[in-house]
N, C-alpha and C. Protein backbone atom coordinates (compact mmCIF):
# COMPACT_ATOMS: atom_id res chain seq x y z
N MET A 1 101.94 -66.35 20.21
CA MET A 1 100.99 -66.58 21.28
C MET A 1 101.34 -67.92 21.93
N PRO A 2 101.66 -67.90 23.22
CA PRO A 2 101.92 -69.17 23.91
C PRO A 2 100.65 -70.03 23.93
N THR A 3 100.80 -71.32 23.68
CA THR A 3 99.66 -72.24 23.69
C THR A 3 99.97 -73.42 24.60
N LEU A 4 99.01 -73.73 25.47
CA LEU A 4 99.14 -74.90 26.34
C LEU A 4 97.98 -75.84 26.06
N ASP A 5 98.27 -77.07 25.70
CA ASP A 5 97.23 -78.09 25.57
C ASP A 5 97.25 -78.85 26.89
N VAL A 6 96.29 -78.54 27.75
CA VAL A 6 96.30 -79.12 29.10
C VAL A 6 95.55 -80.45 29.18
N ARG A 7 95.05 -80.93 28.05
CA ARG A 7 94.29 -82.19 28.07
C ARG A 7 95.15 -83.37 28.50
N GLU A 8 96.45 -83.29 28.27
CA GLU A 8 97.34 -84.40 28.64
C GLU A 8 97.99 -84.20 30.01
N ILE A 9 97.75 -83.06 30.64
CA ILE A 9 98.34 -82.77 31.95
C ILE A 9 97.37 -83.27 33.03
N PRO A 10 97.85 -83.97 34.06
CA PRO A 10 96.95 -84.40 35.14
C PRO A 10 96.23 -83.19 35.75
N PRO A 11 94.93 -83.31 36.01
CA PRO A 11 94.15 -82.17 36.50
C PRO A 11 94.77 -81.38 37.67
N PRO A 12 95.35 -82.02 38.68
CA PRO A 12 95.90 -81.21 39.78
C PRO A 12 97.07 -80.32 39.36
N GLN A 13 97.69 -80.63 38.22
CA GLN A 13 98.85 -79.86 37.76
C GLN A 13 98.48 -78.78 36.74
N ARG A 14 97.25 -78.79 36.27
CA ARG A 14 96.87 -77.87 35.20
C ARG A 14 96.95 -76.40 35.61
N HIS A 15 96.23 -76.02 36.68
CA HIS A 15 96.20 -74.61 37.06
C HIS A 15 97.58 -74.07 37.43
N PRO A 16 98.39 -74.81 38.21
CA PRO A 16 99.74 -74.30 38.50
C PRO A 16 100.56 -74.06 37.22
N LYS A 17 100.48 -74.96 36.25
CA LYS A 17 101.21 -74.81 34.99
C LYS A 17 100.71 -73.58 34.22
N ILE A 18 99.41 -73.39 34.20
CA ILE A 18 98.82 -72.25 33.51
C ILE A 18 99.27 -70.94 34.17
N HIS A 19 99.20 -70.89 35.49
CA HIS A 19 99.60 -69.68 36.21
C HIS A 19 101.09 -69.38 35.97
N GLU A 20 101.89 -70.40 36.00
CA GLU A 20 103.34 -70.24 35.78
C GLU A 20 103.61 -69.67 34.38
N THR A 21 102.95 -70.23 33.39
CA THR A 21 103.13 -69.77 32.01
C THR A 21 102.64 -68.34 31.85
N PHE A 22 101.49 -68.03 32.42
CA PHE A 22 100.92 -66.68 32.32
C PHE A 22 101.85 -65.65 32.96
N GLU A 23 102.41 -66.01 34.10
CA GLU A 23 103.30 -65.10 34.83
C GLU A 23 104.54 -64.76 34.00
N GLU A 24 105.03 -65.71 33.21
CA GLU A 24 106.24 -65.51 32.41
C GLU A 24 105.99 -64.68 31.15
N MET A 25 104.74 -64.47 30.80
CA MET A 25 104.41 -63.73 29.57
C MET A 25 104.60 -62.23 29.75
N ASP A 26 104.76 -61.56 28.62
CA ASP A 26 104.86 -60.10 28.62
C ASP A 26 103.47 -59.50 28.53
N SER A 27 103.36 -58.26 28.97
CA SER A 27 102.11 -57.51 28.83
C SER A 27 101.72 -57.46 27.36
N GLY A 28 100.44 -57.65 27.08
CA GLY A 28 99.95 -57.63 25.71
C GLY A 28 99.90 -58.99 25.04
N GLU A 29 100.56 -59.99 25.64
CA GLU A 29 100.50 -61.34 25.07
C GLU A 29 99.20 -62.02 25.48
N VAL A 30 98.86 -63.08 24.76
CA VAL A 30 97.65 -63.85 25.03
C VAL A 30 98.03 -65.31 25.20
N LEU A 31 97.60 -65.91 26.30
CA LEU A 31 97.83 -67.33 26.54
C LEU A 31 96.64 -68.10 26.00
N GLU A 32 96.93 -69.02 25.07
CA GLU A 32 95.88 -69.86 24.49
C GLU A 32 95.91 -71.22 25.19
N ILE A 33 94.77 -71.62 25.71
CA ILE A 33 94.68 -72.89 26.43
C ILE A 33 93.70 -73.81 25.70
N VAL A 34 94.14 -75.04 25.43
CA VAL A 34 93.28 -76.05 24.82
C VAL A 34 92.89 -77.02 25.93
N ASN A 35 91.59 -77.22 26.10
CA ASN A 35 91.11 -78.03 27.21
C ASN A 35 89.94 -78.91 26.75
N ASP A 36 89.58 -79.88 27.58
CA ASP A 36 88.48 -80.78 27.24
C ASP A 36 87.13 -80.28 27.76
N HIS A 37 87.14 -79.13 28.45
CA HIS A 37 85.91 -78.52 28.94
C HIS A 37 86.10 -77.01 28.95
N GLU A 38 85.01 -76.27 29.05
CA GLU A 38 85.13 -74.82 29.13
C GLU A 38 85.77 -74.46 30.47
N PRO A 39 86.85 -73.67 30.45
CA PRO A 39 87.59 -73.42 31.69
C PRO A 39 87.01 -72.31 32.55
N LYS A 40 85.71 -72.39 32.87
CA LYS A 40 85.08 -71.35 33.69
C LYS A 40 85.73 -71.23 35.07
N PRO A 41 85.99 -72.34 35.78
CA PRO A 41 86.63 -72.19 37.09
C PRO A 41 87.98 -71.47 36.99
N LEU A 42 88.74 -71.78 35.96
CA LEU A 42 90.03 -71.11 35.76
C LEU A 42 89.82 -69.62 35.48
N PHE A 43 88.82 -69.30 34.68
CA PHE A 43 88.51 -67.89 34.40
C PHE A 43 88.25 -67.14 35.69
N TYR A 44 87.38 -67.68 36.55
CA TYR A 44 87.04 -67.01 37.80
C TYR A 44 88.25 -66.92 38.74
N GLU A 45 89.05 -67.96 38.75
CA GLU A 45 90.27 -67.96 39.57
C GLU A 45 91.24 -66.87 39.09
N MET A 46 91.45 -66.79 37.79
CA MET A 46 92.34 -65.78 37.23
C MET A 46 91.79 -64.38 37.49
N GLN A 47 90.49 -64.22 37.32
CA GLN A 47 89.85 -62.92 37.52
C GLN A 47 90.04 -62.44 38.97
N ALA A 48 89.94 -63.36 39.91
CA ALA A 48 90.04 -63.01 41.33
C ALA A 48 91.47 -62.83 41.80
N GLU A 49 92.41 -63.60 41.24
CA GLU A 49 93.75 -63.67 41.80
C GLU A 49 94.86 -63.02 40.98
N VAL A 50 94.64 -62.83 39.68
CA VAL A 50 95.73 -62.35 38.82
C VAL A 50 95.40 -60.96 38.30
N GLU A 51 96.06 -59.98 38.88
CA GLU A 51 95.77 -58.58 38.56
C GLU A 51 96.00 -58.26 37.08
N SER A 52 96.98 -58.91 36.46
CA SER A 52 97.32 -58.60 35.07
C SER A 52 96.45 -59.33 34.05
N PHE A 53 95.50 -60.17 34.51
CA PHE A 53 94.59 -60.87 33.60
C PHE A 53 93.54 -59.89 33.08
N ASP A 54 93.41 -59.78 31.77
CA ASP A 54 92.44 -58.90 31.12
C ASP A 54 91.14 -59.67 30.89
N ALA A 55 90.31 -59.74 31.93
CA ALA A 55 89.08 -60.54 31.87
C ALA A 55 88.10 -60.04 30.82
N ASP A 56 88.12 -58.74 30.53
CA ASP A 56 87.18 -58.18 29.55
C ASP A 56 87.42 -58.71 28.14
N ASN A 57 88.65 -59.11 27.84
CA ASN A 57 88.98 -59.59 26.50
C ASN A 57 89.19 -61.10 26.44
N TYR A 58 88.79 -61.81 27.48
CA TYR A 58 88.83 -63.28 27.50
C TYR A 58 87.89 -63.82 26.43
N GLU A 59 88.32 -64.86 25.74
CA GLU A 59 87.48 -65.50 24.71
C GLU A 59 87.58 -67.01 24.87
N VAL A 60 86.51 -67.70 24.53
CA VAL A 60 86.55 -69.16 24.49
C VAL A 60 85.70 -69.64 23.33
N GLU A 61 86.19 -70.66 22.63
CA GLU A 61 85.48 -71.27 21.51
C GLU A 61 85.43 -72.77 21.71
N ARG A 62 84.29 -73.35 21.42
CA ARG A 62 84.18 -74.82 21.43
C ARG A 62 84.45 -75.28 20.00
N GLU A 63 85.56 -76.01 19.83
CA GLU A 63 85.94 -76.44 18.49
C GLU A 63 85.51 -77.88 18.20
N ALA A 64 85.23 -78.65 19.24
CA ALA A 64 84.76 -80.03 19.11
C ALA A 64 84.11 -80.41 20.43
N ALA A 65 83.56 -81.62 20.49
CA ALA A 65 82.87 -82.06 21.70
C ALA A 65 83.76 -81.94 22.95
N GLU A 66 85.02 -82.29 22.80
CA GLU A 66 85.93 -82.23 23.94
C GLU A 66 87.16 -81.38 23.63
N LYS A 67 86.92 -80.29 22.88
CA LYS A 67 88.03 -79.37 22.59
C LYS A 67 87.54 -77.93 22.69
N PHE A 68 88.00 -77.27 23.74
CA PHE A 68 87.71 -75.86 23.95
C PHE A 68 89.02 -75.09 23.86
N VAL A 69 89.02 -73.96 23.17
CA VAL A 69 90.20 -73.12 23.06
C VAL A 69 89.85 -71.79 23.73
N ALA A 70 90.59 -71.49 24.81
CA ALA A 70 90.36 -70.26 25.56
C ALA A 70 91.58 -69.36 25.42
N ARG A 71 91.32 -68.07 25.32
CA ARG A 71 92.41 -67.09 25.21
C ARG A 71 92.37 -66.17 26.42
N PHE A 72 93.48 -66.18 27.17
CA PHE A 72 93.63 -65.39 28.39
C PHE A 72 94.63 -64.26 28.11
N PRO A 73 94.15 -63.03 27.87
CA PRO A 73 95.05 -61.93 27.58
C PRO A 73 95.69 -61.34 28.84
N LYS A 74 96.90 -60.87 28.70
CA LYS A 74 97.62 -60.24 29.81
C LYS A 74 97.71 -58.74 29.55
N GLN A 75 97.35 -57.96 30.54
CA GLN A 75 97.39 -56.50 30.43
C GLN A 75 98.82 -56.00 30.49
């Protein structure tokens, strides 16, 4: 499972990096993203713009005050 810890990436570069990584994945893979907040805006962006994003199987867990782990599955 590809994992991106975007907490160290400058905010303007986060979504482009995530989209690039997701695009390179194979169908059936899951992109795991570690972030300092719940990535709701990214979820809605992916849902609207990325046909291969499996929004029904999206998951997010809060593991600490500033650690959220989200899983973005690819159809």
